[in-house]
Protein backbone atom coordinates (compact mmCIF):
# COMPACT_ATOMS: atom_id res chain seq x y z
CA ASP A 1 90.93 100.61 101.51
CA MET A 2 92.45 98.52 104.11
CA PHE A 3 90.60 95.15 102.57
CA THR A 4 93.39 96.19 99.62
CA LEU A 5 96.57 97.22 101.31
CA GLY A 6 96.18 95.27 104.83
CA TYR A 7 98.64 92.53 105.48
CA ALA A 8 97.00 88.76 105.01
CA PHE A 9 98.05 87.48 107.64
CA ARG A 10 96.82 90.17 110.44
CA PRO A 11 93.73 91.31 108.89
CA TRP A 12 92.64 94.62 109.34
CA GLU A 13 89.78 94.56 112.08
CA GLU A 14 88.54 98.02 112.26
CA ALA A 15 85.07 98.67 111.40
CA LYS A 16 86.48 101.69 108.95
CA VAL A 17 88.06 100.10 105.52
CA ILE A 18 89.24 103.57 104.68
CA ALA A 19 91.48 104.73 107.48
CA ASP A 20 93.38 107.68 108.74
CA GLY A 21 97.07 107.96 108.31
CA PRO A 22 97.36 108.16 112.50
CA SER A 23 95.17 104.48 112.16
CA ILE A 24 97.22 102.87 109.40
CA LEU A 25 100.32 104.08 111.27
CA LYS A 26 99.59 101.80 114.43
CA TYR A 27 97.78 99.22 112.50
CA VAL A 28 101.60 98.72 110.51
CA ARG A 29 103.81 99.50 113.82
CA ASP A 30 101.68 97.07 115.60
CA THR A 31 102.00 94.55 113.12
CA ALA A 32 105.80 95.16 113.14
CA ALA A 33 105.94 94.47 116.59
CA GLU A 34 104.01 91.98 116.92
CA ALA A 35 106.37 89.58 114.12
CA GLY A 36 109.31 90.78 115.89
CA ILE A 37 110.24 92.89 112.75
CA ASP A 38 111.05 96.38 114.95
CA LYS A 39 113.68 94.37 116.41
CA LYS A 40 115.71 93.99 112.76
CA ILE A 41 115.30 97.12 111.56
CA ARG A 42 117.42 99.89 111.93
CA PHE A 43 115.90 103.12 112.80
CA GLY A 44 117.53 106.43 112.45
CA HIS A 45 119.56 105.29 109.11
CA GLN A 46 120.17 107.16 105.69
CA VAL A 47 121.04 105.14 102.71
CA VAL A 48 123.10 107.39 100.77
CA LYS A 49 125.05 105.07 98.26
CA ALA A 50 125.11 101.12 97.35
CA SER A 51 128.07 99.69 95.58
CA TRP A 52 128.26 96.18 93.73
CA SER A 53 131.36 94.54 93.06
CA SER A 54 131.39 91.92 90.87
CA VAL A 55 135.08 89.79 92.65
CA ASP A 56 133.28 89.72 95.91
CA ALA A 57 130.01 89.40 94.20
CA ARG A 58 128.88 91.73 97.46
CA TRP A 59 126.89 94.74 97.65
CA THR A 60 128.41 97.49 100.12
CA VAL A 61 125.79 99.78 101.68
CA GLU A 62 127.03 103.28 103.21
CA SER A 63 124.36 104.76 105.44
CA GLN A 64 124.63 107.43 108.08
CA ARG A 65 123.12 107.78 111.64
CA LYS A 66 123.76 110.21 114.82
CA ASN A 67 126.51 108.56 117.04
CA PRO A 68 124.69 107.70 120.19
CA GLY A 69 127.29 109.36 122.22
CA THR A 70 127.90 112.08 120.41
CA GLY A 71 125.47 112.96 118.80
CA GLU A 72 127.71 113.65 115.40
CA MET A 73 127.04 112.35 111.81
CA GLU A 74 128.60 108.98 111.17
CA SER A 75 128.72 106.20 108.08
CA VAL A 76 127.85 102.97 108.62
CA TYR A 77 128.64 100.15 106.48
CA LEU A 78 126.82 97.01 105.67
CA THR A 79 127.15 94.53 103.25
CA CYS A 80 125.24 91.61 101.36
CA ASN A 81 124.84 89.35 98.61
CA PHE A 82 121.30 90.25 97.60
CA LEU A 83 119.86 94.00 98.15
CA PHE A 84 116.20 94.56 97.89
CA MET A 85 115.58 98.21 97.47
CA CYS A 86 112.19 99.71 97.80
CA SER A 87 113.09 103.47 97.48
CA GLY A 88 110.59 103.89 94.18
CA TYR A 89 110.95 107.33 92.33
CA PHE A 90 110.57 109.55 96.28
CA ASP A 91 113.38 112.03 96.91
CA HIS A 92 113.11 112.59 100.99
CA ASP A 93 115.37 115.49 100.45
CA LYS A 94 113.11 117.59 98.54
CA GLY A 95 110.23 116.47 96.98
CA TYR A 96 109.90 117.96 93.53
CA THR A 97 108.15 121.39 92.98
CA PRO A 98 107.51 122.74 89.23
CA GLU A 99 108.53 126.42 88.05
CA PHE A 100 106.20 128.85 88.58
CA PRO A 101 106.40 132.17 86.25
CA GLY A 102 105.77 135.23 88.54
CA LEU A 103 106.19 133.20 92.16
CA GLU A 104 108.05 136.24 93.45
CA ARG A 105 104.56 137.97 93.22
CA PHE A 106 102.45 135.57 95.48
CA GLY A 107 101.73 136.97 98.81
CA GLY A 108 101.04 133.58 100.71
CA ARG A 109 102.78 130.86 101.94
CA LEU A 110 103.82 128.14 99.17
CA VAL A 111 103.89 124.37 100.96
CA HIS A 112 105.29 121.36 99.54
CA PRO A 113 103.41 118.58 101.61
CA GLN A 114 106.52 116.31 101.83
CA LYS A 115 107.97 119.13 103.96
CA TRP A 116 104.32 120.05 105.96
CA THR A 117 105.27 121.58 109.30
CA ASP A 118 103.26 122.21 112.49
CA ASP A 119 103.34 125.82 112.13
CA ILE A 120 101.42 126.09 108.95
CA ASP A 121 97.63 127.97 109.81
CA TYR A 122 95.40 127.67 107.09
CA ALA A 123 92.13 128.16 109.28
CA GLY A 124 90.21 130.32 107.49
CA LYS A 125 92.21 131.14 104.82
CA ARG A 126 91.85 130.49 100.94
CA VAL A 127 93.45 127.28 99.78
CA VAL A 128 94.85 126.33 96.01
CA ILE A 129 96.08 122.39 95.87
CA ILE A 130 98.02 121.89 92.52
CA GLY A 131 98.26 118.62 91.32
CA SER A 132 95.04 116.00 92.16
CA GLY A 133 97.22 112.63 93.01
CA ALA A 134 97.05 110.37 96.18
CA THR A 135 98.47 113.39 98.56
CA ALA A 136 96.05 116.03 97.18
CA VAL A 137 92.87 113.79 97.44
CA THR A 138 94.32 112.92 101.04
CA LEU A 139 94.95 116.73 101.96
CA LEU A 140 91.44 118.15 100.55
CA PRO A 141 88.99 117.13 102.56
CA GLU A 142 91.22 117.77 105.61
CA LEU A 143 92.41 121.05 104.75
CA ALA A 144 88.46 121.76 104.01
CA LYS A 145 86.99 121.18 107.62
CA LYS A 146 89.03 124.78 108.65
CA ALA A 147 90.24 126.49 105.58
CA ALA A 148 88.17 129.34 104.59
CA HIS A 149 87.67 127.49 100.74
CA VAL A 150 89.71 125.45 99.03
CA THR A 151 90.35 124.68 95.52
CA MET A 152 92.07 121.89 93.51
CA LEU A 153 93.91 123.29 90.31
CA GLN A 154 94.47 119.73 88.14
CA ARG A 155 95.50 119.61 84.88
CA SER A 156 93.81 116.41 83.87
CA PRO A 157 90.41 115.90 86.17
CA THR A 158 90.34 112.57 88.11
CA TYR A 159 86.89 110.68 88.48
CA MET A 160 86.10 109.87 91.18
CA VAL A 161 83.58 107.90 93.87
CA SER A 162 82.84 109.09 97.20
CA ARG A 163 82.32 105.90 99.30
CA PRO A 164 81.38 105.54 102.83
CA SER A 165 84.37 104.80 105.35
CA VAL A 166 82.57 102.38 106.82
CA ASP A 167 81.50 99.14 104.92
CA PRO A 168 78.34 97.61 106.27
CA LYS A 169 78.62 94.63 104.37
CA ALA A 170 82.45 94.06 105.03
CA ASN A 171 81.55 94.41 108.64
CA PHE A 172 78.84 91.55 108.55
CA LEU A 173 81.11 89.05 106.75
CA ARG A 174 83.44 89.61 109.53
CA ARG A 175 80.73 89.06 112.26
CA VAL A 176 79.55 85.87 111.08
CA LEU A 177 82.85 84.41 109.38
CA PRO A 178 86.29 83.73 110.42
CA SER A 179 88.63 86.47 111.02
CA LYS A 180 90.84 85.33 108.12
CA LEU A 181 88.02 83.62 105.61
CA ALA A 182 86.24 87.20 106.14
CA TYR A 183 89.30 89.51 104.68
CA ALA A 184 89.87 86.86 102.15
CA ILE A 185 86.70 87.87 100.63
CA ASN A 186 86.44 91.20 101.64
CA ARG A 187 90.01 91.85 99.67
CA TRP A 188 89.25 89.94 96.39
CA TRP A 189 86.07 91.66 95.77
CA ARG A 190 87.42 94.70 95.76
CA VAL A 191 90.02 93.54 93.70
CA LEU A 192 87.36 91.80 90.85
CA PHE A 193 85.34 95.31 91.25
CA THR A 194 88.41 97.15 90.17
CA MET A 195 89.82 95.57 87.42
CA TYR A 196 86.31 95.20 85.95
CA ILE A 197 85.86 98.69 86.59
CA PHE A 198 89.18 99.28 84.84
CA SER A 199 88.12 97.58 82.25
CA VAL A 200 85.05 99.11 81.26
CA CYS A 201 86.79 102.38 81.35
CA ARG A 202 89.56 101.28 78.80
CA ARG A 203 87.03 99.49 76.39
CA LYS A 204 83.97 101.69 76.43
CA PRO A 205 84.67 104.95 78.19
CA GLU A 206 81.49 106.99 78.09
CA VAL A 207 79.46 104.14 79.14
CA ALA A 208 80.87 104.43 82.42
CA LYS A 209 81.37 108.25 82.40
CA LYS A 210 77.62 107.94 81.66
CA ALA A 211 77.12 105.48 84.40
CA LEU A 212 79.43 107.43 86.95
CA PHE A 213 77.34 110.99 86.33
CA ALA A 214 74.26 109.13 86.62
CA GLU A 215 75.23 107.61 90.37
CA LEU A 216 76.56 111.39 91.18
CA GLN A 217 72.82 112.67 90.30
CA LYS A 218 71.20 110.59 92.71
CA GLU A 219 73.40 111.81 95.59
């Protein structure tokens, strides 16, 4: 939730701690604008290469962008002494798609979430989500609002707990305590509780499983 994903210097102040995409995007943009970070970001640049020179002790980063005047792609070169990359394993050009034997016989539409377009109409249709990662978890409840039926196809079952998007206790603390103090308490409570749950699941999986099933039966 946003108590663990938010910025300590600018606490999350919305009522919903499990927020939707547009709310998170607005929070990130507002934070960047408030700190003046957005003025230092080179938007519209795609990094294609980074080269290190031991002779010059310097990085040279090549990126591409559209020329503001002509609209044609052009290369832009930047140099630096220290390069910090947060690219991860994500491929912006083409997301990973495994080979599915017999895919040519599939009569429906195959969509990779990375290439989601506005013309995708799933209303009243039967949908299968392959996988159970964060993207699938985000897609499923939204697709279920309009689709006739949604099935999550997963190789390894994932245990999940249903939680309300609004936390009354967290909002109470924010009403009676200074914003940053309430944020710190809510944040560390979630961090420590998550560590505790992980520890129990790791050391005593059967106990954790029974406790989880017991909670599900109450609902």
